[in-house]
Protein backbone atom coordinates (compact mmCIF):
# COMPACT_ATOMS: atom_id res chain seq x y z
CA MET A 1 -101.05 -73.10 8.25
CA ARG A 2 -99.37 -76.45 8.39
CA LYS A 3 -101.58 -79.03 10.19
CA LEU A 4 -100.23 -80.50 13.08
CA ASN A 5 -98.62 -84.02 12.80
CA VAL A 6 -99.14 -86.06 15.73
CA TRP A 7 -96.75 -88.91 14.99
CA GLN A 8 -94.22 -86.16 15.07
CA ILE A 9 -95.08 -85.47 18.25
CA GLY A 10 -94.95 -89.16 19.29
CA ARG A 11 -91.47 -89.44 17.98
CA GLY A 12 -90.59 -86.42 20.13
CA PHE A 13 -91.52 -87.96 23.07
CA ARG A 14 -89.93 -91.56 21.90
CA GLN A 15 -86.69 -90.13 21.60
CA ILE A 16 -86.94 -88.20 25.22
CA SER A 17 -87.59 -91.43 26.47
CA GLN A 18 -84.81 -92.72 25.39
CA LYS A 19 -82.89 -89.76 26.79
CA ILE A 20 -84.72 -90.52 30.25
CA PHE A 21 -83.90 -94.02 29.90
CA PHE A 22 -80.35 -93.87 28.98
CA LEU A 23 -79.71 -91.07 31.83
CA LEU A 24 -81.12 -93.21 34.32
CA PHE A 25 -78.92 -96.24 33.54
CA LEU A 26 -76.39 -94.13 33.72
CA TYR A 27 -77.96 -92.32 37.48
CA LEU A 28 -78.42 -96.19 39.03
CA LEU A 29 -74.91 -97.03 37.40
CA PHE A 30 -73.17 -94.24 39.59
CA ALA A 31 -75.62 -94.29 42.58
CA ALA A 32 -74.68 -98.02 42.87
CA LEU A 33 -71.40 -96.81 43.12
CA GLN A 34 -71.75 -94.60 45.83
CA ARG A 35 -74.27 -96.20 47.50
CA ARG A 36 -76.92 -93.06 46.82
CA VAL A 37 -80.43 -93.16 47.69
CA ALA A 38 -81.20 -95.58 44.74
CA PHE A 39 -78.89 -98.01 45.71
CA PRO A 40 -81.97 -100.67 46.04
CA LEU A 41 -82.69 -99.91 42.48
CA ALA A 42 -79.56 -100.32 41.04
CA ASP A 43 -80.66 -103.69 39.03
CA LEU A 44 -84.01 -102.34 37.94
CA PHE A 45 -83.02 -102.38 34.23
CA PHE A 46 -82.53 -106.47 34.64
CA ARG A 47 -84.97 -107.06 36.45
CA PHE A 48 -87.03 -106.03 33.22
CA ASP A 49 -85.15 -107.97 30.97
CA PRO A 50 -86.96 -111.30 30.01
CA LEU A 51 -83.74 -112.83 28.46
CA SER A 52 -81.96 -112.89 31.83
CA ALA A 53 -85.31 -114.29 33.59
CA LEU A 54 -85.97 -116.99 31.22
CA GLY A 55 -82.04 -118.42 31.28
CA ALA A 56 -81.92 -118.00 35.05
CA MET A 57 -85.03 -119.53 35.72
CA LEU A 58 -84.74 -122.28 32.85
CA ALA A 59 -81.00 -122.67 34.20
CA SER A 60 -81.93 -123.01 37.71
CA ARG A 61 -85.07 -124.72 37.53
CA GLU A 62 -86.76 -122.27 39.71
CA TRP A 63 -88.92 -119.19 39.93
CA LEU A 64 -87.02 -115.97 40.56
CA PRO A 65 -89.31 -113.47 42.07
CA ARG A 66 -86.77 -110.71 41.68
CA LEU A 67 -87.07 -111.31 38.16
CA THR A 68 -90.92 -111.53 37.51
CA LEU A 69 -91.16 -107.51 36.72
CA ALA A 70 -89.73 -108.76 33.11
CA LEU A 71 -93.22 -110.27 32.52
CA ALA A 72 -94.25 -106.49 32.41
CA THR A 73 -91.59 -106.27 29.56
CA VAL A 74 -93.65 -109.09 27.56
CA GLY A 75 -96.61 -107.54 28.29
CA ILE A 76 -95.95 -104.17 26.69
CA THR A 77 -94.19 -106.30 23.72
CA LEU A 78 -97.28 -108.48 23.29
CA LEU A 79 -99.68 -105.14 23.29
CA LEU A 80 -97.65 -103.01 20.88
CA GLY A 81 -94.00 -104.69 19.94
CA ARG A 82 -90.71 -104.24 20.41
CA VAL A 83 -91.23 -100.88 22.27
CA TRP A 84 -88.60 -101.60 24.90
CA CYS A 85 -85.62 -101.84 21.27
CA GLY A 86 -87.10 -98.39 20.25
CA TRP A 87 -88.19 -96.47 23.83
CA ILE A 88 -86.25 -98.12 26.35
CA CYS A 89 -83.14 -100.20 25.88
CA PRO A 90 -79.94 -98.65 26.78
CA LEU A 91 -77.62 -100.16 24.29
CA GLY A 92 -80.01 -99.80 21.53
CA THR A 93 -80.06 -96.20 22.05
CA LEU A 94 -76.13 -95.43 21.85
CA LEU A 95 -76.19 -97.39 19.01
CA GLU A 96 -78.66 -95.23 17.73
CA TRP A 97 -76.99 -92.36 18.34
CA LEU A 98 -74.20 -93.36 16.95
CA GLY A 99 -75.00 -94.46 13.65
CA PRO A 100 -74.16 -92.81 10.79
CA GLY A 101 -75.91 -92.10 7.50
CA PRO A 102 -79.30 -92.61 6.16
CA ALA A 103 -80.23 -96.56 7.09
CA ARG A 104 -81.15 -98.38 3.80
CA ARG A 105 -77.83 -96.90 2.77
CA ARG A 106 -75.59 -98.32 5.19
CA ALA A 107 -77.43 -101.85 5.27
CA GLN A 108 -77.54 -102.37 1.48
CA ASN A 109 -73.88 -104.68 1.23
CA VAL A 110 -75.58 -106.67 4.42
CA ALA A 111 -77.49 -109.61 3.07
CA SER A 112 -80.79 -109.69 5.12
CA GLN A 113 -80.41 -113.67 5.79
CA TRP A 114 -78.14 -112.49 8.50
CA ARG A 115 -81.58 -111.37 10.70
CA SER A 116 -81.90 -115.38 10.88
CA ALA A 117 -78.24 -114.91 13.15
CA LYS A 118 -80.16 -113.51 16.18
CA TYR A 119 -82.65 -116.15 16.35
CA LEU A 120 -80.03 -118.91 16.25
CA LEU A 121 -78.03 -117.35 19.02
CA LEU A 122 -81.55 -117.13 21.44
CA THR A 123 -82.00 -120.72 20.80
CA GLY A 124 -78.49 -121.53 21.67
CA ILE A 125 -78.62 -119.59 24.76
CA LEU A 126 -81.99 -121.41 26.11
CA ALA A 127 -81.02 -124.63 24.88
CA ALA A 128 -77.64 -124.31 27.41
CA ALA A 129 -79.71 -122.45 29.75
CA ALA A 130 -82.02 -126.03 29.78
CA PHE A 131 -78.75 -128.07 30.52
CA GLY A 132 -78.15 -125.32 33.40
CA SER A 133 -75.53 -123.48 31.85
CA LEU A 134 -75.86 -119.35 31.47
CA THR A 135 -72.50 -118.67 29.59
CA LEU A 136 -73.83 -116.95 26.16
CA LEU A 137 -75.82 -115.07 28.56
CA VAL A 138 -72.35 -112.65 28.41
CA LEU A 139 -74.42 -111.53 25.31
CA ASP A 140 -77.33 -110.12 26.90
CA PRO A 141 -77.60 -106.24 25.61
CA LEU A 142 -77.76 -105.09 29.22
CA ALA A 143 -75.13 -107.40 30.32
CA LEU A 144 -72.89 -106.26 27.58
CA LEU A 145 -73.32 -102.34 28.35
CA THR A 146 -73.00 -102.63 32.30
CA ARG A 147 -70.00 -104.94 32.52
CA THR A 148 -67.94 -102.16 29.68
CA MET A 149 -69.03 -99.35 31.66
CA THR A 150 -68.42 -101.25 35.13
CA THR A 151 -64.88 -102.33 33.99
CA VAL A 152 -63.65 -100.06 31.39
CA ILE A 153 -65.50 -96.97 30.76
CA LEU A 154 -65.50 -95.79 34.25
CA PRO A 155 -62.20 -97.01 35.45
CA ALA A 156 -60.69 -95.04 32.36
CA LEU A 157 -63.22 -92.12 33.35
CA ASN A 158 -61.64 -92.00 36.68
CA TYR A 159 -58.10 -92.41 35.63
CA ALA A 160 -58.46 -89.72 33.23
CA VAL A 161 -60.34 -86.86 35.52
CA THR A 162 -57.49 -87.80 38.00
CA ALA A 163 -54.36 -87.33 35.31
CA ALA A 164 -56.16 -83.85 34.23
CA LEU A 165 -56.56 -82.44 37.87
CA GLY A 166 -52.94 -83.83 38.71
CA SER A 167 -51.43 -81.92 35.74
CA LEU A 168 -53.42 -78.76 36.77
CA TYR A 169 -53.12 -78.84 40.57
CA PRO A 170 -49.35 -77.46 40.21
CA ILE A 171 -50.58 -73.89 38.26
CA ALA A 172 -51.28 -71.78 41.16
CA PRO A 173 -54.12 -70.06 40.03
CA LEU A 174 -56.15 -73.44 39.33
CA ARG A 175 -55.62 -74.76 42.86
CA GLY A 176 -58.83 -73.51 44.11
CA VAL A 177 -60.99 -74.85 40.90
CA VAL A 178 -58.74 -77.80 41.20
CA ASP A 179 -60.12 -78.45 44.65
CA ALA A 180 -63.23 -78.18 44.53
CA LEU A 181 -63.79 -80.38 41.51
CA GLU A 182 -61.90 -82.96 43.32
CA GLN A 183 -64.15 -82.43 46.18
CA TRP A 184 -67.35 -82.23 44.12
CA LEU A 185 -66.51 -85.47 41.87
CA ARG A 186 -64.72 -87.61 44.14
CA GLY A 187 -66.73 -89.40 46.35
CA SER A 188 -70.43 -88.64 44.79
CA ALA A 189 -69.73 -89.26 41.03
CA LEU A 190 -66.09 -91.15 40.83
CA PRO A 191 -64.88 -93.26 43.43
CA VAL A 192 -62.30 -92.56 45.82
CA ARG A 193 -59.38 -95.15 44.76
CA GLN A 194 -58.74 -95.98 40.93
CA PRO A 195 -60.89 -99.50 40.12
CA LEU A 196 -58.76 -102.13 38.32
CA PHE A 197 -60.21 -104.82 36.17
CA ALA A 198 -58.40 -107.84 35.07
CA GLY A 199 -59.14 -108.80 31.34
CA ASN A 200 -60.97 -105.39 30.63
CA TRP A 201 -59.16 -105.30 27.65
CA LEU A 202 -60.72 -108.17 26.25
CA ILE A 203 -64.16 -106.61 27.19
CA ALA A 204 -63.49 -103.31 25.27
CA VAL A 205 -62.24 -105.39 22.39
CA VAL A 206 -65.66 -107.01 22.05
CA PHE A 207 -67.57 -103.83 22.89
CA VAL A 208 -65.42 -101.46 19.88
CA PHE A 209 -65.97 -104.62 17.55
CA LEU A 210 -70.06 -104.08 18.13
CA LEU A 211 -69.68 -100.27 17.72
CA LEU A 212 -67.57 -100.94 14.40
CA LEU A 213 -70.50 -103.06 13.19
CA ASN A 214 -72.48 -100.59 13.63
CA ARG A 215 -70.89 -98.39 10.51
CA LEU A 216 -71.77 -101.47 8.34
CA ALA A 217 -75.64 -101.17 9.17
CA GLY A 218 -77.43 -98.57 11.70
CA ARG A 219 -77.98 -100.48 15.24
CA PHE A 220 -76.32 -103.77 13.56
CA TRP A 221 -76.75 -105.50 16.68
CA CYS A 222 -80.17 -104.50 17.23
CA ARG A 223 -80.89 -106.03 13.78
CA TYR A 224 -79.03 -109.01 13.46
CA LEU A 225 -77.17 -110.31 16.44
CA CYS A 226 -79.03 -109.19 19.71
CA PRO A 227 -80.85 -112.32 21.56
CA LEU A 228 -82.92 -110.19 23.36
CA GLY A 229 -84.17 -108.25 20.43
CA ALA A 230 -85.16 -111.83 18.71
CA LEU A 231 -86.78 -112.99 22.00
CA LEU A 232 -89.06 -109.69 21.61
CA ALA A 233 -89.30 -110.37 17.96
CA LEU A 234 -90.91 -113.50 18.72
CA PHE A 235 -93.57 -112.06 21.09
CA SER A 236 -94.32 -109.26 18.62
CA ARG A 237 -95.41 -111.39 16.15
CA ILE A 238 -98.68 -112.18 17.81
CA ALA A 239 -98.92 -108.19 19.17
CA VAL A 240 -102.32 -106.66 19.37
CA LEU A 241 -101.46 -103.70 17.91
CA ARG A 242 -99.26 -103.54 14.95
CA PRO A 243 -97.80 -100.75 12.82
CA VAL A 244 -99.78 -100.68 9.35
CA ILE A 245 -99.22 -99.07 5.95
CA GLY A 246 -102.73 -98.20 4.92
CA ALA A 247 -104.02 -98.60 0.97
CA SER A 248 -103.06 -94.32 1.28
CA CYS A 249 -99.69 -95.19 0.53
CA VAL A 250 -98.55 -93.52 -2.76
CA LYS A 251 -95.14 -95.70 -2.51
CA CYS A 252 -93.02 -92.47 -2.41
CA GLY A 253 -90.41 -94.57 -0.30
CA ARG A 254 -89.96 -91.94 2.51
CA CYS A 255 -90.64 -94.45 5.22
CA SER A 256 -88.11 -96.95 4.40
CA ASN A 257 -85.48 -94.36 3.94
CA VAL A 258 -86.11 -93.03 7.42
CA CYS A 259 -86.49 -96.43 9.22
CA PRO A 260 -83.63 -97.15 11.83
CA VAL A 261 -83.82 -100.90 11.43
CA ASP A 262 -84.66 -101.39 7.66
CA ALA A 263 -88.10 -102.88 8.84
CA ILE A 264 -90.02 -101.64 6.18
CA GLN A 265 -90.47 -104.48 2.92
CA VAL A 266 -90.56 -102.74 -0.18
CA GLN A 267 -90.29 -105.33 -2.89
CA ASP A 268 -93.55 -106.49 -4.43
CA ASN A 269 -95.28 -103.84 -1.85
CA PHE A 270 -94.81 -101.64 1.41
CA ARG A 271 -95.67 -103.25 4.39
CA ILE A 272 -94.31 -103.02 7.88
CA ILE A 273 -92.13 -106.25 9.21
CA PRO A 274 -93.84 -106.36 13.09
CA SER A 275 -91.01 -108.49 13.95
CA GLU A 276 -88.04 -106.09 13.18
CA CYS A 277 -90.36 -102.70 14.12
CA VAL A 278 -88.92 -101.16 16.84
CA ALA A 279 -91.98 -98.65 17.22
CA CYS A 280 -89.73 -95.43 16.51
CA LEU A 281 -92.42 -93.47 14.76
CA ASP A 282 -89.90 -92.39 12.34
CA CYS A 283 -91.67 -93.70 9.56
CA PHE A 284 -95.38 -92.52 10.82
CA ALA A 285 -93.71 -88.99 11.19
CA ALA A 286 -92.07 -89.06 7.65
CA CYS A 287 -95.31 -90.14 5.82
CA PRO A 288 -96.76 -87.21 3.69
CA GLU A 289 -100.37 -89.22 3.15
CA ARG A 290 -100.47 -89.66 6.97
CA GLY A 291 -101.39 -93.69 5.59
CA ILE A 292 -99.31 -95.26 8.40
CA GLY A 293 -101.22 -96.17 11.57
CA TRP A 294 -101.73 -98.36 14.51
CA ARG A 295 -103.89 -101.35 13.71
CA PRO A 296 -105.75 -103.90 15.80
CA VAL A 297 -105.07 -107.11 14.54
CA VAL A 298 -108.61 -108.03 14.21
CA ASP A 299 -109.20 -104.59 11.77
CA ARG A 300 -108.54 -105.96 8.18
CA SER A 301 -109.64 -103.06 6.49
CA ALA A 302 -107.03 -100.32 6.73
CA SER A 303 -104.36 -103.19 5.57
CA ALA A 304 -103.01 -102.70 2.29
CA THR A 305 -101.10 -105.90 1.73
CA GLY A 306 -103.37 -108.40 3.81
CA LYS A 307 -100.05 -109.79 5.44
CA GLU A 308 -99.94 -106.80 7.79
CA LEU A 309 -102.49 -108.25 10.20
CA ALA A 310 -102.19 -111.61 9.55
CA TRP A 311 -102.41 -113.65 13.16
CA PRO A 312 -99.41 -114.32 14.11
CA ALA A 313 -97.11 -112.24 11.46
CA PRO A 314 -96.18 -114.63 8.57
CA ALA A 315 -93.01 -116.10 8.48
CA GLU A 316 -90.20 -113.86 6.33
CA ALA A 317 -87.41 -115.18 3.67
CA TYR A 318 -84.69 -114.65 6.58
CA ASP A 319 -86.07 -116.24 9.05
CA PRO A 320 -84.33 -119.81 10.44
CA SER A 321 -85.49 -123.08 9.04
CA ARG A 322 -86.27 -126.04 11.18
CA ARG A 323 -82.85 -127.76 10.30
CA GLN A 324 -81.19 -124.03 11.21
CA VAL A 325 -83.18 -124.39 14.53
CA LEU A 326 -82.06 -127.80 15.56
CA ALA A 327 -78.93 -126.95 14.57
CA ALA A 328 -78.98 -124.34 17.10
CA LEU A 329 -80.53 -126.41 19.84
CA GLY A 330 -77.62 -128.97 19.35
CA ALA A 331 -74.59 -126.63 19.29
CA GLY A 332 -75.91 -125.02 22.26
CA ILE A 333 -76.13 -128.56 24.31
CA ALA A 334 -73.22 -130.35 22.57
CA GLY A 335 -71.20 -126.43 23.93
CA VAL A 336 -72.51 -127.01 27.37
CA VAL A 337 -70.96 -130.81 27.39
CA VAL A 338 -67.71 -129.76 25.74
CA LEU A 339 -67.55 -127.24 28.32
CA ARG A 340 -68.06 -129.22 31.16
CA THR A 341 -65.60 -132.43 29.99
CA ASN A 342 -62.43 -130.17 29.70
CA PRO A 343 -59.67 -130.07 32.11
CA LEU A 344 -60.33 -126.67 33.49
CA ALA A 345 -63.73 -127.25 34.40
CA ARG A 346 -62.97 -130.50 36.11
CA SER A 347 -59.83 -128.76 37.95
CA PRO A 348 -61.02 -124.92 38.79
CA ASP A 349 -57.94 -122.60 39.68
CA PRO A 350 -57.49 -123.15 43.89
CA THR A 351 -58.02 -119.52 44.11
CA LEU A 352 -61.04 -118.91 42.45
CA ILE A 353 -63.13 -117.48 45.71
CA ARG A 354 -66.40 -116.49 44.85
CA PRO A 355 -68.23 -114.15 46.49
CA PRO A 356 -70.49 -114.29 49.83
CA GLY A 357 -72.71 -117.37 49.70
CA ALA A 358 -72.06 -118.33 46.44
CA GLN A 359 -69.60 -121.05 47.24
CA ASP A 360 -71.46 -124.02 45.31
CA GLU A 361 -70.50 -123.37 41.90
CA ALA A 362 -72.69 -125.37 40.01
CA THR A 363 -75.40 -123.21 41.83
CA PHE A 364 -74.05 -120.11 41.16
CA LEU A 365 -73.26 -120.88 37.61
CA ALA A 366 -76.53 -121.76 36.84
CA ARG A 367 -77.81 -118.69 37.86
CA CYS A 368 -75.13 -115.82 37.37
CA LEU A 369 -76.29 -112.94 34.79
CA ARG A 370 -72.67 -112.26 33.98
CA CYS A 371 -73.95 -108.85 34.46
CA SER A 372 -71.12 -107.24 36.70
CA GLN A 373 -73.50 -105.75 39.12
CA CYS A 374 -71.55 -106.82 42.03
CA MET A 375 -68.55 -105.80 40.65
CA LYS A 376 -69.65 -102.54 40.24
CA VAL A 377 -70.85 -102.14 43.42
CA CYS A 378 -67.70 -103.55 45.44
CA PRO A 379 -65.93 -100.96 47.31
CA THR A 380 -62.71 -102.52 46.83
CA SER A 381 -62.85 -103.70 43.39
CA GLY A 382 -61.85 -107.09 44.78
CA LEU A 383 -64.71 -108.77 42.66
CA GLN A 384 -63.38 -109.31 39.06
CA PRO A 385 -64.45 -110.87 35.87
CA ALA A 386 -63.05 -113.98 35.61
CA LEU A 387 -61.37 -115.32 32.41
CA LEU A 388 -60.25 -119.20 32.36
CA GLU A 389 -59.94 -119.60 36.12
CA GLY A 390 -62.92 -121.66 36.34
CA GLY A 391 -63.11 -122.47 32.49
CA LEU A 392 -64.92 -121.18 29.49
CA GLU A 393 -68.02 -122.27 31.29
CA ALA A 394 -67.18 -119.27 34.07
CA LEU A 395 -66.18 -116.70 31.44
CA TRP A 396 -67.07 -113.11 33.16
CA THR A 397 -68.51 -114.36 36.26
CA PRO A 398 -67.39 -112.50 39.09
CA HIS A 399 -64.49 -113.99 41.89
CA LEU A 400 -62.64 -112.00 44.28
CA VAL A 401 -59.01 -111.69 43.36
CA SER A 402 -57.46 -110.64 47.28
CA ARG A 403 -54.21 -108.82 46.06
CA LEU A 404 -56.39 -106.24 43.59
CA GLY A 405 -59.03 -106.05 46.38
CA TYR A 406 -59.97 -107.51 49.82
CA CYS A 407 -63.94 -108.32 50.77
CA ASN A 408 -64.59 -105.73 52.89
CA TYR A 409 -65.78 -106.82 56.46
CA GLY A 410 -68.13 -104.18 56.83
CA CYS A 411 -70.00 -104.70 53.15
CA HIS A 412 -72.56 -106.83 51.83
CA ALA A 413 -73.82 -104.73 48.88
CA CYS A 414 -72.89 -107.90 46.20
CA GLY A 415 -75.86 -109.91 47.64
CA GLN A 416 -78.12 -106.42 47.54
CA VAL A 417 -77.88 -105.96 43.95
CA CYS A 418 -77.32 -109.58 42.34
CA PRO A 419 -80.77 -109.62 40.30
CA SER A 420 -80.54 -113.54 39.79
CA GLY A 421 -79.58 -114.42 43.63
CA ALA A 422 -76.75 -116.28 42.25
CA ILE A 423 -75.19 -114.35 45.15
CA PRO A 424 -77.64 -114.61 47.95
CA PRO A 425 -78.48 -111.31 49.68
CA LEU A 426 -77.34 -112.26 53.18
CA ASP A 427 -77.57 -109.48 55.76
CA LEU A 428 -74.10 -108.21 57.11
CA GLU A 429 -74.01 -110.37 60.39
CA ARG A 430 -74.44 -113.39 58.28
CA LYS A 431 -72.19 -112.29 55.60
CA ARG A 432 -69.50 -111.86 58.31
CA GLN A 433 -69.91 -115.22 59.27
CA THR A 434 -70.06 -116.87 55.73
CA VAL A 435 -66.94 -118.43 54.53
CA LEU A 436 -65.33 -117.74 51.06
CA GLY A 437 -61.98 -119.29 51.42
CA ARG A 438 -59.08 -119.94 53.88
CA ALA A 439 -55.43 -118.25 53.78
CA ILE A 440 -52.39 -120.02 54.05
CA ILE A 441 -49.35 -118.70 54.67
CA ASP A 442 -46.34 -119.29 52.25
CA ARG A 443 -43.03 -119.66 54.55
CA ASP A 444 -40.67 -119.47 51.76
CA ARG A 445 -41.69 -115.74 50.96
CA CYS A 446 -42.94 -114.53 54.62
CA LEU A 447 -40.85 -111.88 55.87
CA PRO A 448 -40.23 -113.61 59.87
CA TRP A 449 -40.57 -117.09 58.31
CA ALA A 450 -38.02 -116.44 55.37
CA HIS A 451 -35.69 -113.62 56.04
CA GLY A 452 -36.27 -112.92 59.95
CA VAL A 453 -37.67 -109.72 59.77
CA PRO A 454 -40.26 -108.63 61.90
CA CYS A 455 -43.90 -108.66 60.19
CA ILE A 456 -47.39 -108.43 62.06
CA VAL A 457 -49.47 -106.68 59.06
CA CYS A 458 -51.64 -109.91 58.25
CA GLU A 459 -52.60 -110.34 62.32
CA GLU A 460 -53.20 -106.54 62.65
CA MET A 461 -55.44 -106.18 59.36
CA CYS A 462 -57.54 -109.35 60.44
CA PRO A 463 -60.92 -108.26 60.78
CA VAL A 464 -62.77 -111.39 62.51
CA ALA A 465 -63.04 -111.87 66.38
CA PRO A 466 -61.24 -113.74 67.37
CA LYS A 467 -58.36 -113.03 64.98
CA ALA A 468 -58.32 -115.97 62.52
CA ILE A 469 -54.30 -115.12 62.69
CA ARG A 470 -52.23 -115.43 65.84
CA LEU A 471 -48.64 -114.60 66.24
CA GLU A 472 -45.83 -116.87 68.18
CA GLU A 473 -42.82 -115.01 69.34
CA VAL A 474 -39.08 -116.88 68.56
CA THR A 475 -35.73 -116.23 67.98
CA VAL A 476 -34.35 -116.88 64.92
CA ALA A 477 -31.33 -115.91 62.53
CA ASP A 478 -32.26 -113.34 59.93
CA ASP A 479 -30.37 -113.28 56.25
CA LEU A 480 -27.14 -111.14 57.72
CA GLY A 481 -26.96 -114.23 60.42
CA ARG A 482 -28.10 -111.96 63.65
CA LEU A 483 -30.19 -113.70 66.14
CA VAL A 484 -33.72 -111.39 66.46
CA ALA A 485 -37.14 -111.74 68.01
CA VAL A 486 -39.75 -112.10 65.51
CA GLN A 487 -43.22 -113.35 65.87
CA ARG A 488 -44.77 -115.87 63.16
CA PRO A 489 -48.25 -115.72 61.99
CA TYR A 490 -49.78 -119.04 61.82
CA VAL A 491 -53.52 -119.33 60.58
CA ILE A 492 -56.21 -120.59 62.66
CA GLY A 493 -58.29 -121.98 59.62
CA GLU A 494 -61.65 -122.74 61.67
CA ARG A 495 -62.10 -119.07 62.22
CA CYS A 496 -60.80 -117.74 58.71
CA ILE A 497 -63.44 -116.56 56.30
CA GLY A 498 -61.13 -115.67 53.26
CA CYS A 499 -61.93 -111.85 53.50
CA GLY A 500 -58.62 -111.79 51.86
CA ILE A 501 -57.43 -108.43 53.37
CA CYS A 502 -54.20 -110.15 54.53
CA GLU A 503 -53.43 -110.98 51.00
CA TYR A 504 -54.04 -107.61 50.18
CA GLN A 505 -52.09 -106.11 52.81
CA CYS A 506 -49.19 -108.22 52.85
CA PRO A 507 -46.23 -105.98 52.37
CA VAL A 508 -44.22 -108.76 50.31
CA GLU A 509 -43.64 -107.49 46.89
CA GLY A 510 -45.77 -109.49 44.06
CA GLU A 511 -47.48 -112.64 44.99
CA ALA A 512 -48.48 -112.33 48.53
CA ALA A 513 -46.75 -114.54 51.37
CA ILE A 514 -50.53 -115.51 52.44
CA ARG A 515 -53.15 -116.53 50.15
CA VAL A 516 -56.91 -117.20 50.08
CA PHE A 517 -57.43 -120.47 48.62
CA ARG A 518 -60.74 -122.42 47.75
CA THR A 519 -61.95 -124.62 50.52
CA SER A 520 -63.72 -126.75 48.34
CA ALA A 521 -63.28 -128.01 44.39
């Protein structure tokens, strides 16, 4: 009778864990989208992200209580190594599922020195954060995946489902099924209205490129580029428990053949590199001699090489040199200086409207994780990822594009899900009083002003009380020279909060005749 391999069971649990956490990630994505019971947990994964926590706290120069759960991730890494990468991370799981063929054959054309890239990226991110810039946090794996799901995958899925159901509806026998599916999906899983995100093509290109890199080596991103993985790798070098190849190893190579991240060193002697190991247990299950196990650092008896249980773990040939680290530090600092001394940074777009309570640009940029949580929950898709409106330093931070969607007067969801507090968690009453910007009427485009055509849409839509737009009835000549009575709109500046519903609803084609502008640079 075949002897039970406990590590095969452990590997099975790991695969179950990956599926559970990936499904949880998707569930929270949809729960936030539709304000389900789990809405307060919409940013749960980011709360456990030590890279986001460290970067935001460095940049803002303050302790952020909402991100303190990241210490739990650090704690488990100090105990067992990169468990987050192998058991929890949704992006790592996705890349593992999409990875083709045996890991070692896929990576044979990629030099091991590329592994240092993730450490250099981490160094640049933390150096920039120390000078108040979080621009490079666009490379955080959770932000990468959430941003892509929010701005690319979900809108595309919604569009595809709508198109498919629309094409089937004219078929009479299928109408009942289509109606049932529409009722089940719309509002429970998919948004009622089609979300639109400017610049999502660039986000899609970045993500597709990341997936294509996966063809060069399984989990290429995790091996060579992930800055969060680099941070956890540093902690894993002083982990209490290590995966160790024992003296019973017969050097059959099965462990190295199944390792998804090529963390087993076969030159000179077989040993597991703790900083690269993602605790997947594949090698444990594959070993015919049961010669691999977890050992505490103080136990040197089971080590085959003496290096595996050194504390801290010994440096590897591909680790960055002191000169490379200093260069990365300098590049991060120089990048901040360049970003803040270019004309775009000094003269941001006057239509760059930040979410409620985030009007102090410097404070906002020092806290924003570029995670797209706020864009995900915005019911009108008014919050959009910025490109160059605020300079390159503000890349993919949220800003309100009122022509695409307004700031709903009855919604304050963005501040409730922001993990770093870049958007303050204002209650609804305070949010309604927060000024985002001021609306200004372009009298050369406004129908009553420019053409003598009756229109009071902006005044009707204004949600504040008393209204920030008043009407004055006058008699003017229209475009045909006829005298007509129209009501011309005026904005009362001290009442306007800049919610943008007037701009969104303006019936003028193209650029609206009433637009919201920043109140301060």
